Amino acid sequence: MAMEASEIERLILEGIPDAKVTIEDLRGDGDHYAAYVISDSFVGMSRVQQHQLVYKALRGRMGNELHALALHTGTPEKAREL
């Protein structure tokens, strides 16, 4: 069973309350998403640590209800540089 984009966003926001989250359905099939997550919580973390924090927020749904998720994470400072 596929996850809704709103459910992915809700879970991430519950786990990382200060995050700004944008979810994009990459294929329109409800199975392949991109998540853009910007948070002050990521300051001082490596990209791997940032992704681990997002996966933790998803509470084990990655690989189950959520088939594919392309993660793009960063701090507000880094986001302004883009």
C-alpha atoms as a PDB file:
ATOM      1  CA  MET A   1       0.000   0.000   0.000  1.00  0.00           C
ATOM      2  CA  ALA A   2       1.433   3.372  -1.048  1.00  0.00           C
ATOM      3  CA  MET A   3       1.802   6.381   1.235  1.00  0.00           C
ATOM      4  CA  GLU A   4       0.255   9.761   0.608  1.00  0.00           C
ATOM      5  CA  ALA A   5       2.597  12.756   0.329  1.00  0.00           C
ATOM      6  CA  SER A   6       0.757  14.412   3.211  1.00  0.00           C
ATOM      7  CA  GLU A   7       1.523  11.420   5.459  1.00  0.00           C
ATOM      8  CA  ILE A   8       5.234  11.613   4.630  1.00  0.00           C
ATOM      9  CA  GLU A   9       5.227  15.325   5.414  1.00  0.00           C
ATOM     10  CA  ARG A  10       3.326  14.778   8.681  1.00  0.00           C
ATOM     11  CA  LEU A  11       5.765  12.123   9.896  1.00  0.00           C
ATOM     12  CA  ILE A  12       8.805  14.230   9.072  1.00  0.00           C
ATOM     13  CA  LEU A  13       7.311  17.258  10.833  1.00  0.00           C
ATOM     14  CA  GLU A  14       6.500  15.185  13.906  1.00  0.00           C
ATOM     15  CA  GLY A  15      10.108  13.990  14.059  1.00  0.00           C
ATOM     16  CA  ILE A  16      11.707  17.304  13.076  1.00  0.00           C
ATOM     17  CA  PRO A  17       9.252  20.009  14.189  1.00  0.00           C
ATOM     18  CA  ASP A  18      11.244  22.998  12.902  1.00  0.00           C
ATOM     19  CA  ALA A  19      11.603  21.534   9.391  1.00  0.00           C
ATOM     20  CA  LYS A  20      10.345  23.047   6.207  1.00  0.00           C
ATOM     21  CA  VAL A  21       9.211  20.094   4.114  1.00  0.00           C
ATOM     22  CA  THR A  22       8.253  19.817   0.467  1.00  0.00           C
ATOM     23  CA  ILE A  23       7.199  16.462  -0.967  1.00  0.00           C
ATOM     24  CA  GLU A  24       7.116  15.790  -4.703  1.00  0.00           C
ATOM     25  CA  ASP A  25       5.494  12.710  -6.279  1.00  0.00           C
ATOM     26  CA  LEU A  26       8.087  11.961  -8.946  1.00  0.00           C
ATOM     27  CA  ARG A  27       6.035   9.595 -11.111  1.00  0.00           C
ATOM     28  CA  GLY A  28       2.477  10.330 -10.070  1.00  0.00           C
ATOM     29  CA  ASP A  29       2.163   6.776  -8.762  1.00  0.00           C
ATOM     30  CA  GLY A  30       2.280   7.402  -5.003  1.00  0.00           C
ATOM     31  CA  ASP A  31       5.363   5.166  -4.744  1.00  0.00           C
ATOM     32  CA  HIS A  32       8.279   7.371  -5.817  1.00  0.00           C
ATOM     33  CA  TYR A  33       8.779  10.634  -3.945  1.00  0.00           C
ATOM     34  CA  ALA A  34      11.374  13.320  -3.418  1.00  0.00           C
ATOM     35  CA  ALA A  35      11.504  15.040  -0.046  1.00  0.00           C
ATOM     36  CA  TYR A  36      13.140  18.433   0.433  1.00  0.00           C
ATOM     37  CA  VAL A  37      13.782  18.966   4.138  1.00  0.00           C
ATOM     38  CA  ILE A  38      15.364  22.141   5.512  1.00  0.00           C
ATOM     39  CA  SER A  39      15.985  22.364   9.252  1.00  0.00           C
ATOM     40  CA  ASP A  40      18.155  24.107  11.827  1.00  0.00           C
ATOM     41  CA  SER A  41      18.330  20.666  13.470  1.00  0.00           C
ATOM     42  CA  PHE A  42      20.775  19.674  10.712  1.00  0.00           C
ATOM     43  CA  VAL A  43      23.419  22.246  11.721  1.00  0.00           C
ATOM     44  CA  GLY A  44      26.699  20.455  12.338  1.00  0.00           C
ATOM     45  CA  MET A  45      25.459  17.160  10.886  1.00  0.00           C
ATOM     46  CA  SER A  46      26.872  15.358   7.883  1.00  0.00           C
ATOM     47  CA  ARG A  47      24.529  14.633   4.982  1.00  0.00           C
ATOM     48  CA  VAL A  48      24.344  10.989   6.139  1.00  0.00           C
ATOM     49  CA  GLN A  49      23.330  12.072   9.652  1.00  0.00           C
ATOM     50  CA  GLN A  50      20.680  14.389   8.215  1.00  0.00           C
ATOM     51  CA  HIS A  51      19.224  11.557   6.165  1.00  0.00           C
ATOM     52  CA  GLN A  52      19.314   9.225   9.168  1.00  0.00           C
ATOM     53  CA  LEU A  53      17.279  11.768  11.150  1.00  0.00           C
ATOM     54  CA  VAL A  54      14.665  11.906   8.381  1.00  0.00           C
ATOM     55  CA  TYR A  55      14.513   8.096   8.138  1.00  0.00           C
ATOM     56  CA  LYS A  56      14.076   7.906  11.914  1.00  0.00           C
ATOM     57  CA  ALA A  57      11.140  10.326  11.629  1.00  0.00           C
ATOM     58  CA  LEU A  58       9.543   8.005   9.055  1.00  0.00           C
ATOM     59  CA  ARG A  59       9.317   5.298  11.765  1.00  0.00           C
ATOM     60  CA  GLY A  60      10.298   2.263   9.700  1.00  0.00           C
ATOM     61  CA  ARG A  61       8.009   2.983   6.776  1.00  0.00           C
ATOM     62  CA  MET A  62      10.896   3.344   4.312  1.00  0.00           C
ATOM     63  CA  GLY A  63      11.021   0.144   2.277  1.00  0.00           C
ATOM     64  CA  ASN A  64       7.541  -0.849   3.418  1.00  0.00           C
ATOM     65  CA  GLU A  65       4.687   1.549   2.675  1.00  0.00           C
ATOM     66  CA  LEU A  66       7.194   4.006   1.216  1.00  0.00           C
ATOM     67  CA  HIS A  67       8.933   2.396  -1.736  1.00  0.00           C
ATOM     68  CA  ALA A  68      11.359   5.094  -2.944  1.00  0.00           C
ATOM     69  CA  LEU A  69      12.339   8.439  -1.467  1.00  0.00           C
ATOM     70  CA  ALA A  70      14.980  10.774  -2.887  1.00  0.00           C
ATOM     71  CA  LEU A  71      16.135  12.925   0.026  1.00  0.00           C
ATOM     72  CA  HIS A  72      17.415  16.462  -0.293  1.00  0.00           C
ATOM     73  CA  THR A  73      18.344  17.882   3.097  1.00  0.00           C
ATOM     74  CA  GLY A  74      20.107  20.941   4.402  1.00  0.00           C
ATOM     75  CA  THR A  75      20.183  23.853   6.778  1.00  0.00           C
ATOM     76  CA  PRO A  76      18.399  27.151   6.118  1.00  0.00           C
ATOM     77  CA  GLU A  77      21.808  28.749   5.507  1.00  0.00           C
ATOM     78  CA  LYS A  78      22.712  26.178   2.851  1.00  0.00           C
ATOM     79  CA  ALA A  79      19.262  26.511   1.264  1.00  0.00           C
ATOM     80  CA  ARG A  80      19.839  30.247   0.763  1.00  0.00           C
ATOM     81  CA  GLU A  81      23.052  29.452  -1.094  1.00  0.00           C
ATOM     82  CA  LEU A  82      21.179  27.433  -3.750  1.00  0.00           C
END
